[in-house]
């Protein structure tokens, strides 16, 4: 049995996680393409060599960051609440979970939402996101078929509208604001599903 690699070390106070968090902040502030390793080094007050002690490239930082967001979203689909019960309840669980992922991993989800497919890493991330959207569309379809949602709106359109609302949180939600993640999730569900539920 092989041992897992030990975490890389660098300047005191910095580990791979700290470098990643600084990189994500820089990518969001300047754009991924405009953030060179030199810009990142200046932002972190580290040498480029110190950064390379933790990661092999800027691309690895992007991969780690997008995985952070996507692993969270995909994980919601594997939770018991997303797999058991009525379709409307499973859909509610996934929407609530997506809000929690966004609020908990806000910089990472923000970066994911800005990906445009300019590299293999970005295209792979977009494909994972499309797979997530397809899974949600299947839940919307099942909820419609069980009579919980109105049947005059295409499930694919419903999914895009729902996540247009959830994704917009990345533009204005701040963890220090007056509304916590739990209340925010309740508000999203009330606006989304009360407007969609059949009468």
N, C-alpha and C. Protein backbone atom coordinates (compact mmCIF):
# COMPACT_ATOMS: atom_id res chain seq x y z
N UNK A 1 0.85 -1.18 0.00
CA UNK A 1 0.00 0.00 0.00
C UNK A 1 0.88 1.23 0.00
N UNK A 2 0.69 2.13 -0.95
CA UNK A 2 1.54 3.32 -1.05
C UNK A 2 1.00 4.41 -0.14
N UNK A 3 1.91 5.19 0.39
CA UNK A 3 1.53 6.29 1.26
C UNK A 3 1.13 7.49 0.42
N UNK A 4 0.16 8.25 0.93
CA UNK A 4 -0.22 9.47 0.20
C UNK A 4 0.89 10.49 0.36
N UNK A 5 1.09 11.32 -0.67
CA UNK A 5 2.17 12.30 -0.61
C UNK A 5 1.93 13.30 0.51
N UNK A 6 3.01 13.70 1.17
CA UNK A 6 2.87 14.69 2.24
C UNK A 6 2.65 16.06 1.63
N UNK A 7 1.95 16.94 2.37
CA UNK A 7 1.70 18.27 1.82
C UNK A 7 3.00 19.00 1.54
N UNK A 8 2.99 19.78 0.46
CA UNK A 8 4.18 20.56 0.13
C UNK A 8 4.32 21.71 1.11
N UNK A 9 5.55 22.05 1.42
CA UNK A 9 5.80 23.14 2.34
C UNK A 9 6.50 24.27 1.61
N UNK A 10 6.36 25.45 2.13
CA UNK A 10 7.02 26.61 1.54
C UNK A 10 7.29 27.62 2.62
N UNK A 11 7.08 28.87 2.28
CA UNK A 11 7.31 29.93 3.24
C UNK A 11 6.41 29.72 4.46
N UNK A 12 6.92 29.96 5.68
CA UNK A 12 6.09 29.83 6.88
C UNK A 12 4.81 30.64 6.75
N UNK A 13 3.70 30.04 7.13
CA UNK A 13 2.41 30.70 7.01
C UNK A 13 1.71 30.41 5.70
N UNK A 14 2.41 29.78 4.79
CA UNK A 14 1.82 29.45 3.50
C UNK A 14 1.87 27.94 3.28
N UNK A 15 0.74 27.39 2.91
CA UNK A 15 0.69 26.02 2.44
C UNK A 15 -0.05 26.04 1.11
N UNK A 16 -0.29 24.89 0.53
CA UNK A 16 -0.94 24.88 -0.78
C UNK A 16 -2.31 25.54 -0.72
N UNK A 17 -3.02 25.33 0.40
CA UNK A 17 -4.36 25.92 0.52
C UNK A 17 -4.29 27.44 0.51
N UNK A 18 -3.36 28.01 1.24
CA UNK A 18 -3.22 29.46 1.28
C UNK A 18 -2.84 30.02 -0.09
N UNK A 19 -1.96 29.31 -0.79
CA UNK A 19 -1.59 29.74 -2.14
C UNK A 19 -2.80 29.67 -3.07
N UNK A 20 -3.58 28.60 -2.94
CA UNK A 20 -4.78 28.45 -3.77
C UNK A 20 -5.77 29.58 -3.50
N UNK A 21 -6.02 29.88 -2.24
CA UNK A 21 -6.96 30.94 -1.90
C UNK A 21 -6.50 32.29 -2.46
N UNK A 22 -5.21 32.55 -2.35
CA UNK A 22 -4.68 33.79 -2.93
C UNK A 22 -4.80 33.82 -4.43
N UNK A 23 -4.57 32.67 -5.07
CA UNK A 23 -4.68 32.60 -6.52
C UNK A 23 -6.11 32.83 -6.98
N UNK A 24 -7.07 32.21 -6.30
CA UNK A 24 -8.48 32.37 -6.68
C UNK A 24 -8.89 33.83 -6.55
N UNK A 25 -8.47 34.47 -5.48
CA UNK A 25 -8.79 35.90 -5.30
C UNK A 25 -8.19 36.72 -6.45
N UNK A 26 -6.97 36.41 -6.83
CA UNK A 26 -6.33 37.14 -7.93
C UNK A 26 -7.03 36.85 -9.26
N UNK A 27 -7.37 35.58 -9.51
CA UNK A 27 -8.07 35.23 -10.75
C UNK A 27 -9.39 35.99 -10.85
N UNK A 28 -10.10 36.09 -9.72
CA UNK A 28 -11.38 36.80 -9.73
C UNK A 28 -11.20 38.30 -9.90
N UNK A 29 -10.12 38.85 -9.34
CA UNK A 29 -9.90 40.30 -9.44
C UNK A 29 -9.40 40.73 -10.81
N UNK A 30 -8.47 39.95 -11.37
CA UNK A 30 -7.81 40.37 -12.61
C UNK A 30 -8.22 39.55 -13.84
N UNK A 31 -8.87 38.40 -13.62
CA UNK A 31 -9.13 37.47 -14.69
C UNK A 31 -8.03 36.43 -14.74
N UNK A 32 -8.39 35.20 -15.03
CA UNK A 32 -7.39 34.13 -15.02
C UNK A 32 -6.29 34.40 -16.04
N UNK A 33 -6.67 34.74 -17.27
CA UNK A 33 -5.67 34.92 -18.32
C UNK A 33 -4.72 36.06 -18.01
N UNK A 34 -5.20 37.09 -17.31
CA UNK A 34 -4.36 38.25 -17.02
C UNK A 34 -3.52 38.08 -15.75
N UNK A 35 -3.72 36.99 -15.04
CA UNK A 35 -2.97 36.77 -13.80
C UNK A 35 -1.78 35.87 -14.09
N UNK A 36 -0.62 36.47 -14.20
CA UNK A 36 0.61 35.70 -14.40
C UNK A 36 1.11 35.20 -13.05
N UNK A 37 2.06 34.29 -13.09
CA UNK A 37 2.67 33.84 -11.85
C UNK A 37 3.39 34.99 -11.16
N UNK A 38 3.89 35.95 -11.93
CA UNK A 38 4.51 37.13 -11.34
C UNK A 38 3.50 37.97 -10.57
N UNK A 39 2.32 38.16 -11.16
CA UNK A 39 1.25 38.90 -10.48
C UNK A 39 0.86 38.17 -9.20
N UNK A 40 0.74 36.85 -9.31
CA UNK A 40 0.35 36.05 -8.15
C UNK A 40 1.42 36.12 -7.06
N UNK A 41 2.68 36.05 -7.45
CA UNK A 41 3.77 36.13 -6.48
C UNK A 41 3.73 37.47 -5.75
N UNK A 42 3.52 38.55 -6.49
CA UNK A 42 3.44 39.87 -5.87
C UNK A 42 2.23 39.95 -4.93
N UNK A 43 1.12 39.38 -5.35
CA UNK A 43 -0.10 39.41 -4.52
C UNK A 43 0.11 38.67 -3.21
N UNK A 44 0.80 37.55 -3.26
CA UNK A 44 1.03 36.73 -2.07
C UNK A 44 2.28 37.14 -1.30
N UNK A 45 3.06 38.05 -1.88
CA UNK A 45 4.33 38.42 -1.30
C UNK A 45 5.24 37.20 -1.14
N UNK A 46 5.26 36.40 -2.19
CA UNK A 46 6.10 35.20 -2.26
C UNK A 46 6.93 35.26 -3.53
N UNK A 47 7.99 34.51 -3.56
CA UNK A 47 8.72 34.34 -4.81
C UNK A 47 7.96 33.34 -5.68
N UNK A 48 8.20 33.42 -6.98
CA UNK A 48 7.59 32.41 -7.86
C UNK A 48 8.07 31.01 -7.48
N UNK A 49 9.32 30.90 -7.09
CA UNK A 49 9.86 29.60 -6.68
C UNK A 49 9.09 29.03 -5.49
N UNK A 50 8.71 29.91 -4.56
CA UNK A 50 7.94 29.44 -3.39
C UNK A 50 6.56 28.93 -3.82
N UNK A 51 5.96 29.60 -4.80
CA UNK A 51 4.66 29.12 -5.30
C UNK A 51 4.83 27.76 -5.98
N UNK A 52 5.88 27.65 -6.79
CA UNK A 52 6.11 26.38 -7.50
C UNK A 52 6.47 25.25 -6.54
N UNK A 53 6.81 25.59 -5.30
CA UNK A 53 7.02 24.55 -4.30
C UNK A 53 5.71 23.87 -3.94
N UNK A 54 4.60 24.58 -4.11
CA UNK A 54 3.28 24.06 -3.76
C UNK A 54 2.51 23.51 -4.95
N UNK A 55 2.69 24.11 -6.12
CA UNK A 55 1.97 23.68 -7.32
C UNK A 55 2.92 23.73 -8.51
N UNK A 56 2.56 22.97 -9.53
CA UNK A 56 3.45 22.89 -10.69
C UNK A 56 3.23 24.01 -11.69
N UNK A 57 2.05 24.65 -11.65
CA UNK A 57 1.74 25.65 -12.67
C UNK A 57 0.50 26.44 -12.30
N UNK A 58 0.28 27.51 -13.04
CA UNK A 58 -0.96 28.28 -12.90
C UNK A 58 -2.16 27.41 -13.26
N UNK A 59 -1.97 26.54 -14.24
CA UNK A 59 -3.05 25.65 -14.67
C UNK A 59 -3.47 24.71 -13.54
N UNK A 60 -2.50 24.24 -12.76
CA UNK A 60 -2.86 23.38 -11.63
C UNK A 60 -3.69 24.14 -10.61
N UNK A 61 -3.35 25.40 -10.39
CA UNK A 61 -4.16 26.22 -9.48
C UNK A 61 -5.59 26.36 -10.00
N UNK A 62 -5.73 26.57 -11.30
CA UNK A 62 -7.08 26.67 -11.88
C UNK A 62 -7.83 25.36 -11.70
N UNK A 63 -7.15 24.24 -11.96
CA UNK A 63 -7.79 22.93 -11.82
C UNK A 63 -8.25 22.70 -10.38
N UNK A 64 -7.39 23.00 -9.42
CA UNK A 64 -7.74 22.83 -8.01
C UNK A 64 -8.93 23.71 -7.63
N UNK A 65 -8.94 24.93 -8.13
CA UNK A 65 -10.01 25.86 -7.81
C UNK A 65 -11.34 25.41 -8.39
N UNK A 66 -11.34 25.00 -9.65
CA UNK A 66 -12.58 24.56 -10.28
C UNK A 66 -13.08 23.26 -9.66
N UNK A 67 -12.16 22.39 -9.29
CA UNK A 67 -12.55 21.15 -8.59
C UNK A 67 -13.24 21.47 -7.28
N UNK A 68 -12.76 22.48 -6.59
CA UNK A 68 -13.36 22.86 -5.30
C UNK A 68 -14.84 23.20 -5.48
N UNK A 69 -15.14 23.97 -6.49
CA UNK A 69 -16.53 24.35 -6.75
C UNK A 69 -17.35 23.17 -7.25
N UNK A 70 -16.82 22.46 -8.24
CA UNK A 70 -17.58 21.38 -8.86
C UNK A 70 -17.76 20.18 -7.94
N UNK A 71 -16.75 19.86 -7.15
CA UNK A 71 -16.89 18.76 -6.20
C UNK A 71 -18.02 19.04 -5.22
N UNK A 72 -18.14 20.31 -4.82
CA UNK A 72 -19.22 20.68 -3.92
C UNK A 72 -20.58 20.49 -4.55
N UNK A 73 -20.75 20.98 -5.78
CA UNK A 73 -22.03 20.84 -6.47
C UNK A 73 -22.37 19.37 -6.75
N UNK A 74 -21.39 18.64 -7.23
CA UNK A 74 -21.64 17.22 -7.53
C UNK A 74 -21.93 16.44 -6.25
N UNK A 75 -21.30 16.84 -5.16
CA UNK A 75 -21.53 16.17 -3.89
C UNK A 75 -22.98 16.30 -3.43
N UNK A 76 -23.61 17.42 -3.71
CA UNK A 76 -25.01 17.62 -3.33
C UNK A 76 -25.89 16.57 -3.99
N UNK A 77 -25.58 16.22 -5.24
CA UNK A 77 -26.38 15.23 -5.97
C UNK A 77 -26.28 13.83 -5.36
N UNK A 78 -25.26 13.59 -4.55
CA UNK A 78 -25.05 12.27 -3.95
C UNK A 78 -25.58 12.16 -2.53
N UNK A 79 -26.08 13.25 -1.99
CA UNK A 79 -26.62 13.24 -0.64
C UNK A 79 -27.96 12.53 -0.61
N UNK A 80 -28.30 11.96 0.54
CA UNK A 80 -29.55 11.21 0.67
C UNK A 80 -30.76 12.04 0.24
N UNK A 81 -30.77 13.32 0.61
CA UNK A 81 -31.90 14.17 0.27
C UNK A 81 -32.09 14.36 -1.23
N UNK A 82 -31.03 14.15 -2.00
CA UNK A 82 -31.13 14.28 -3.45
C UNK A 82 -31.50 12.96 -4.11
N UNK A 83 -31.45 11.87 -3.36
CA UNK A 83 -31.63 10.54 -3.93
C UNK A 83 -32.92 9.86 -3.49
N UNK A 84 -33.52 10.33 -2.42
CA UNK A 84 -34.70 9.66 -1.86
C UNK A 84 -35.85 10.63 -1.70
N UNK A 85 -37.06 10.09 -1.83
CA UNK A 85 -38.26 10.90 -1.63
C UNK A 85 -38.87 11.37 -2.92
N UNK A 86 -39.87 12.24 -2.77
CA UNK A 86 -40.54 12.80 -3.94
C UNK A 86 -39.56 13.66 -4.73
N UNK A 87 -39.80 13.73 -6.02
CA UNK A 87 -38.89 14.50 -6.89
C UNK A 87 -38.82 15.97 -6.47
N UNK A 88 -39.96 16.55 -6.07
CA UNK A 88 -39.96 17.96 -5.68
C UNK A 88 -39.09 18.17 -4.44
N UNK A 89 -39.09 17.20 -3.53
CA UNK A 89 -38.26 17.31 -2.33
C UNK A 89 -36.78 17.14 -2.68
N UNK A 90 -36.50 16.25 -3.62
CA UNK A 90 -35.11 16.07 -4.05
C UNK A 90 -34.61 17.32 -4.77
N UNK A 91 -35.47 17.90 -5.60
CA UNK A 91 -35.10 19.15 -6.29
C UNK A 91 -34.86 20.26 -5.27
N UNK A 92 -35.72 20.36 -4.28
CA UNK A 92 -35.54 21.37 -3.24
C UNK A 92 -34.22 21.18 -2.52
N UNK A 93 -33.88 19.92 -2.23
CA UNK A 93 -32.62 19.63 -1.55
C UNK A 93 -31.43 20.08 -2.40
N UNK A 94 -31.49 19.81 -3.68
CA UNK A 94 -30.37 20.17 -4.56
C UNK A 94 -30.25 21.70 -4.68
N UNK A 95 -31.36 22.39 -4.80
CA UNK A 95 -31.30 23.85 -4.88
C UNK A 95 -30.74 24.44 -3.59
N UNK A 96 -31.24 23.94 -2.47
CA UNK A 96 -30.74 24.41 -1.18
C UNK A 96 -29.24 24.13 -1.06
N UNK A 97 -28.85 22.92 -1.44
CA UNK A 97 -27.44 22.54 -1.38
C UNK A 97 -26.58 23.40 -2.27
N UNK A 98 -27.08 23.75 -3.46
CA UNK A 98 -26.31 24.60 -4.37
C UNK A 98 -26.10 25.98 -3.76
N UNK A 99 -27.11 26.50 -3.08
CA UNK A 99 -26.95 27.79 -2.40
C UNK A 99 -25.89 27.68 -1.32
N UNK A 100 -25.92 26.59 -0.55
CA UNK A 100 -24.93 26.41 0.51
C UNK A 100 -23.51 26.30 -0.06
N UNK A 101 -23.37 25.57 -1.17
CA UNK A 101 -22.05 25.46 -1.80
C UNK A 101 -21.58 26.83 -2.24
N UNK A 102 -22.46 27.59 -2.86
CA UNK A 102 -22.07 28.91 -3.34
C UNK A 102 -21.65 29.81 -2.18
N UNK A 103 -22.43 29.82 -1.11
CA UNK A 103 -22.10 30.72 0.01
C UNK A 103 -20.85 30.25 0.74
N UNK A 104 -20.64 28.94 0.81
CA UNK A 104 -19.49 28.39 1.52
C UNK A 104 -18.20 28.50 0.71
N UNK A 105 -18.33 28.41 -0.61
CA UNK A 105 -17.16 28.42 -1.50
C UNK A 105 -17.27 29.54 -2.52
N UNK A 106 -17.71 30.68 -2.06
CA UNK A 106 -18.06 31.80 -2.95
C UNK A 106 -16.96 32.16 -3.95
N UNK A 107 -15.70 32.33 -3.55
CA UNK A 107 -14.68 32.69 -4.55
C UNK A 107 -14.49 31.61 -5.62
N UNK A 108 -14.60 30.35 -5.21
CA UNK A 108 -14.40 29.24 -6.14
C UNK A 108 -15.56 29.14 -7.14
N UNK A 109 -16.79 29.28 -6.64
CA UNK A 109 -17.95 29.23 -7.53
C UNK A 109 -17.95 30.45 -8.45
N UNK A 110 -17.55 31.61 -7.93
CA UNK A 110 -17.45 32.80 -8.77
C UNK A 110 -16.50 32.55 -9.93
N UNK A 111 -15.36 31.95 -9.64
CA UNK A 111 -14.40 31.63 -10.70
C UNK A 111 -15.01 30.65 -11.70
N UNK A 112 -15.69 29.62 -11.21
CA UNK A 112 -16.34 28.65 -12.10
C UNK A 112 -17.32 29.35 -13.04
N UNK A 113 -18.08 30.28 -12.51
CA UNK A 113 -19.08 30.96 -13.33
C UNK A 113 -18.47 31.86 -14.40
N UNK A 114 -17.19 32.17 -14.25
CA UNK A 114 -16.50 33.03 -15.23
C UNK A 114 -15.74 32.23 -16.29
N UNK A 115 -15.72 30.93 -16.14
CA UNK A 115 -15.00 30.07 -17.10
C UNK A 115 -15.70 30.12 -18.45
N UNK A 116 -14.91 30.23 -19.52
CA UNK A 116 -15.48 30.35 -20.86
C UNK A 116 -15.02 29.26 -21.82
N UNK A 117 -14.23 28.33 -21.35
CA UNK A 117 -13.81 27.24 -22.22
C UNK A 117 -12.58 27.55 -23.04
N UNK A 118 -11.69 28.40 -22.52
CA UNK A 118 -10.51 28.80 -23.26
C UNK A 118 -9.35 27.81 -23.17
N UNK A 119 -9.51 26.74 -22.41
CA UNK A 119 -8.44 25.74 -22.26
C UNK A 119 -9.09 24.39 -22.02
N UNK A 120 -8.28 23.34 -22.07
CA UNK A 120 -8.80 22.00 -21.80
C UNK A 120 -9.38 21.91 -20.39
N UNK A 121 -8.72 22.53 -19.43
CA UNK A 121 -9.22 22.51 -18.05
C UNK A 121 -10.58 23.19 -17.97
N UNK A 122 -10.72 24.32 -18.62
CA UNK A 122 -11.99 25.04 -18.59
C UNK A 122 -13.08 24.26 -19.31
N UNK A 123 -12.74 23.64 -20.42
CA UNK A 123 -13.75 22.87 -21.16
C UNK A 123 -14.20 21.65 -20.35
N UNK A 124 -13.27 21.02 -19.66
CA UNK A 124 -13.64 19.88 -18.81
C UNK A 124 -14.56 20.34 -17.67
N UNK A 125 -14.27 21.51 -17.11
CA UNK A 125 -15.11 22.05 -16.04
C UNK A 125 -16.51 22.36 -16.56
N UNK A 126 -16.58 22.93 -17.75
CA UNK A 126 -17.89 23.23 -18.34
C UNK A 126 -18.68 21.96 -18.60
N UNK A 127 -18.01 20.89 -19.01
CA UNK A 127 -18.71 19.62 -19.23
C UNK A 127 -19.24 19.06 -17.92
N UNK A 128 -18.46 19.15 -16.87
CA UNK A 128 -18.95 18.71 -15.55
C UNK A 128 -20.15 19.54 -15.13
N UNK A 129 -20.10 20.83 -15.39
CA UNK A 129 -21.23 21.70 -15.04
C UNK A 129 -22.46 21.34 -15.86
N UNK A 130 -22.27 21.02 -17.14
CA UNK A 130 -23.42 20.61 -17.97
C UNK A 130 -24.02 19.31 -17.44
N UNK A 131 -23.18 18.39 -16.98
CA UNK A 131 -23.68 17.14 -16.41
C UNK A 131 -24.51 17.41 -15.16
N UNK A 132 -24.05 18.35 -14.34
CA UNK A 132 -24.81 18.74 -13.16
C UNK A 132 -26.16 19.32 -13.58
N UNK A 133 -26.15 20.20 -14.57
CA UNK A 133 -27.40 20.80 -15.04
C UNK A 133 -28.35 19.74 -15.59
N UNK A 134 -27.81 18.74 -16.29
CA UNK A 134 -28.66 17.67 -16.82
C UNK A 134 -29.31 16.88 -15.68
N UNK A 135 -28.57 16.66 -14.61
CA UNK A 135 -29.13 15.95 -13.46
C UNK A 135 -30.26 16.76 -12.82
N UNK A 136 -30.06 18.07 -12.73
CA UNK A 136 -31.12 18.92 -12.18
C UNK A 136 -32.33 18.94 -13.12
N UNK A 137 -32.09 19.00 -14.42
CA UNK A 137 -33.20 18.97 -15.37
C UNK A 137 -34.00 17.68 -15.24
N UNK A 138 -33.32 16.57 -15.00
CA UNK A 138 -34.02 15.30 -14.78
C UNK A 138 -34.91 15.38 -13.54
N UNK A 139 -34.44 16.05 -12.50
CA UNK A 139 -35.27 16.21 -11.29
C UNK A 139 -36.46 17.11 -11.57
N UNK A 140 -36.24 18.18 -12.33
CA UNK A 140 -37.36 19.06 -12.69
C UNK A 140 -38.40 18.28 -13.50
N UNK A 141 -37.93 17.47 -14.43
CA UNK A 141 -38.85 16.65 -15.24
C UNK A 141 -39.63 15.68 -14.36
N UNK A 142 -38.94 15.03 -13.42
CA UNK A 142 -39.61 14.08 -12.53
C UNK A 142 -40.63 14.80 -11.64
N UNK A 143 -40.28 15.99 -11.16
CA UNK A 143 -41.22 16.75 -10.33
C UNK A 143 -42.43 17.18 -11.13
N UNK A 144 -42.22 17.54 -12.39
CA UNK A 144 -43.35 17.87 -13.27
C UNK A 144 -44.23 16.65 -13.48
N UNK A 145 -43.59 15.50 -13.76
CA UNK A 145 -44.34 14.28 -14.05
C UNK A 145 -45.14 13.77 -12.86
N UNK A 146 -44.65 14.05 -11.65
CA UNK A 146 -45.40 13.62 -10.47
C UNK A 146 -46.50 14.63 -10.10
N UNK A 147 -46.59 15.73 -10.84
CA UNK A 147 -47.63 16.73 -10.62
C UNK A 147 -47.26 17.82 -9.64
N UNK A 148 -46.00 17.89 -9.23
CA UNK A 148 -45.58 18.91 -8.25
C UNK A 148 -45.24 20.24 -8.90
N UNK A 149 -44.87 20.23 -10.16
CA UNK A 149 -44.55 21.46 -10.88
C UNK A 149 -45.47 21.60 -12.08
N UNK A 150 -45.71 22.81 -12.46
CA UNK A 150 -46.56 23.05 -13.62
C UNK A 150 -45.89 22.45 -14.86
N UNK A 151 -46.72 22.09 -15.84
CA UNK A 151 -46.21 21.34 -16.99
C UNK A 151 -46.14 22.15 -18.27
N UNK A 152 -46.27 23.48 -18.16
CA UNK A 152 -46.27 24.30 -19.37
C UNK A 152 -44.95 25.03 -19.59
N UNK A 153 -43.91 24.67 -18.83
CA UNK A 153 -42.58 25.26 -19.03
C UNK A 153 -41.58 24.13 -19.24
N UNK A 154 -40.75 24.24 -20.24
CA UNK A 154 -39.77 23.21 -20.54
C UNK A 154 -38.81 23.03 -19.36
N UNK A 155 -38.57 21.78 -18.93
CA UNK A 155 -37.67 21.54 -17.79
C UNK A 155 -36.27 22.10 -17.96
N UNK A 156 -35.75 22.10 -19.18
CA UNK A 156 -34.44 22.68 -19.42
C UNK A 156 -34.43 24.18 -19.17
N UNK A 157 -35.50 24.84 -19.59
CA UNK A 157 -35.63 26.28 -19.35
C UNK A 157 -35.76 26.54 -17.86
N UNK A 158 -36.56 25.71 -17.18
CA UNK A 158 -36.72 25.85 -15.73
C UNK A 158 -35.36 25.76 -15.04
N UNK A 159 -34.57 24.77 -15.43
CA UNK A 159 -33.24 24.59 -14.82
C UNK A 159 -32.38 25.82 -15.03
N UNK A 160 -32.37 26.35 -16.25
CA UNK A 160 -31.55 27.53 -16.52
C UNK A 160 -32.04 28.74 -15.72
N UNK A 161 -33.36 28.88 -15.58
CA UNK A 161 -33.89 30.00 -14.80
C UNK A 161 -33.56 29.84 -13.32
N UNK A 162 -33.71 28.63 -12.81
CA UNK A 162 -33.40 28.39 -11.39
C UNK A 162 -31.94 28.71 -11.09
N UNK A 163 -31.05 28.21 -11.94
CA UNK A 163 -29.64 28.43 -11.66
C UNK A 163 -29.16 29.81 -12.10
N UNK A 164 -29.93 30.47 -12.96
CA UNK A 164 -29.65 31.87 -13.20
C UNK A 164 -29.85 32.66 -11.92
N UNK A 165 -30.89 32.31 -11.16
CA UNK A 165 -31.14 32.97 -9.89
C UNK A 165 -30.07 32.61 -8.86
N UNK A 166 -29.78 31.32 -8.72
CA UNK A 166 -28.76 30.89 -7.76
C UNK A 166 -27.41 31.50 -8.11
N UNK A 167 -27.03 31.43 -9.37
CA UNK A 167 -25.71 31.94 -9.77
C UNK A 167 -25.59 33.45 -9.59
N UNK A 168 -26.71 34.16 -9.68
CA UNK A 168 -26.64 35.62 -9.50
C UNK A 168 -26.20 35.98 -8.09
N UNK A 169 -26.33 35.07 -7.15
CA UNK A 169 -25.89 35.34 -5.78
C UNK A 169 -24.40 35.66 -5.74
N UNK A 170 -23.65 35.07 -6.64
CA UNK A 170 -22.20 35.31 -6.66
C UNK A 170 -21.87 36.77 -6.92
N UNK A 171 -22.79 37.49 -7.55
CA UNK A 171 -22.53 38.89 -7.87
C UNK A 171 -22.81 39.83 -6.71
N UNK A 172 -23.71 39.42 -5.80
CA UNK A 172 -24.07 40.38 -4.74
C UNK A 172 -24.03 39.83 -3.33
N UNK A 173 -24.03 38.52 -3.16
CA UNK A 173 -24.01 37.97 -1.80
C UNK A 173 -22.67 38.23 -1.13
N UNK A 174 -22.71 38.66 0.12
CA UNK A 174 -21.52 38.85 0.92
C UNK A 174 -21.74 38.16 2.27
N UNK A 175 -20.80 37.31 2.70
CA UNK A 175 -20.98 36.58 3.95
C UNK A 175 -21.22 37.49 5.16
N UNK A 176 -20.78 38.73 5.07
CA UNK A 176 -20.96 39.66 6.19
C UNK A 176 -22.28 40.41 6.12
N UNK A 177 -23.11 40.08 5.15
CA UNK A 177 -24.40 40.76 4.98
C UNK A 177 -25.40 40.39 6.06
N UNK A 178 -26.60 40.94 5.95
CA UNK A 178 -27.62 40.74 6.99
C UNK A 178 -28.33 39.39 6.89
N UNK A 179 -28.16 38.67 5.79
CA UNK A 179 -28.86 37.41 5.61
C UNK A 179 -27.88 36.26 5.55
N UNK A 180 -28.09 35.25 6.41
CA UNK A 180 -27.17 34.11 6.40
C UNK A 180 -27.56 33.12 5.31
N UNK A 181 -26.72 32.10 5.14
CA UNK A 181 -26.92 31.15 4.04
C UNK A 181 -28.23 30.40 4.18
N UNK A 182 -28.62 30.06 5.40
CA UNK A 182 -29.86 29.32 5.61
C UNK A 182 -31.07 30.14 5.17
N UNK A 183 -31.13 31.40 5.58
CA UNK A 183 -32.23 32.26 5.18
C UNK A 183 -32.21 32.50 3.67
N UNK A 184 -31.03 32.66 3.13
CA UNK A 184 -30.90 32.87 1.70
C UNK A 184 -31.44 31.67 0.92
N UNK A 185 -31.10 30.46 1.37
CA UNK A 185 -31.60 29.25 0.72
C UNK A 185 -33.12 29.19 0.80
N UNK A 186 -33.68 29.54 1.96
CA UNK A 186 -35.14 29.56 2.11
C UNK A 186 -35.77 30.54 1.13
N UNK A 187 -35.15 31.71 0.99
CA UNK A 187 -35.69 32.72 0.08
C UNK A 187 -35.67 32.24 -1.36
N UNK A 188 -34.55 31.60 -1.76
CA UNK A 188 -34.45 31.08 -3.13
C UNK A 188 -35.54 30.06 -3.38
N UNK A 189 -35.73 29.13 -2.44
CA UNK A 189 -36.74 28.10 -2.63
C UNK A 189 -38.14 28.69 -2.68
N UNK A 190 -38.41 29.68 -1.83
CA UNK A 190 -39.74 30.28 -1.83
C UNK A 190 -40.02 31.00 -3.14
N UNK A 191 -39.04 31.75 -3.63
CA UNK A 191 -39.24 32.47 -4.89
C UNK A 191 -39.36 31.49 -6.05
N UNK A 192 -38.46 30.50 -6.08
CA UNK A 192 -38.41 29.59 -7.23
C UNK A 192 -39.59 28.63 -7.24
N UNK A 193 -39.80 27.90 -6.17
CA UNK A 193 -40.76 26.80 -6.21
C UNK A 193 -42.19 27.25 -5.94
N UNK A 194 -42.39 28.25 -5.15
CA UNK A 194 -43.77 28.70 -4.95
C UNK A 194 -44.32 29.30 -6.23
N UNK A 195 -43.44 29.83 -7.05
CA UNK A 195 -43.89 30.36 -8.34
C UNK A 195 -44.07 29.28 -9.39
N UNK A 196 -43.51 28.09 -9.15
CA UNK A 196 -43.57 27.01 -10.12
C UNK A 196 -44.55 25.91 -9.75
N UNK A 197 -44.88 25.81 -8.47
CA UNK A 197 -45.73 24.71 -8.03
C UNK A 197 -47.11 24.80 -8.65
N UNK A 198 -47.65 23.63 -8.98
CA UNK A 198 -49.00 23.57 -9.54
C UNK A 198 -50.00 23.92 -8.46
N UNK A 199 -51.10 24.51 -8.88
CA UNK A 199 -52.15 24.92 -7.92
C UNK A 199 -53.18 23.82 -7.76
